[in-house]
């Protein structure tokens, strides 16, 4: 994680004192996904928690949902990056020969 700004540190402290252990959440995410959260995402999590904390009955259940969303997004990003490196152009000329001279894909 990049070094948090003073403003982010204060926001994290307020979030922690409001009932969500943001420090444990960021450590859990980093330990499980090996993905260090950028400060902008930590700030967003803190602000969303503080905004909706009145309607959040269980901070850890809410944090677990946030964790799952971040994990799934990191996984999808990794799969997408891998597929871009493994993708190869289709040889349309060869495909036309194989399919009897018809235009492939029409």
Foldseek 3Di string as FASTA:
>chain_A
DPDDDPVLVVLQVVLVVLPANLVVLQVVLCVPQVDHDDSVVSNVVSVVCVVCVVVDPHNVVVSVVVSVVVSVVVVVVVVVVVCVVVDDDDPQVVVCVVVPNDRPPD
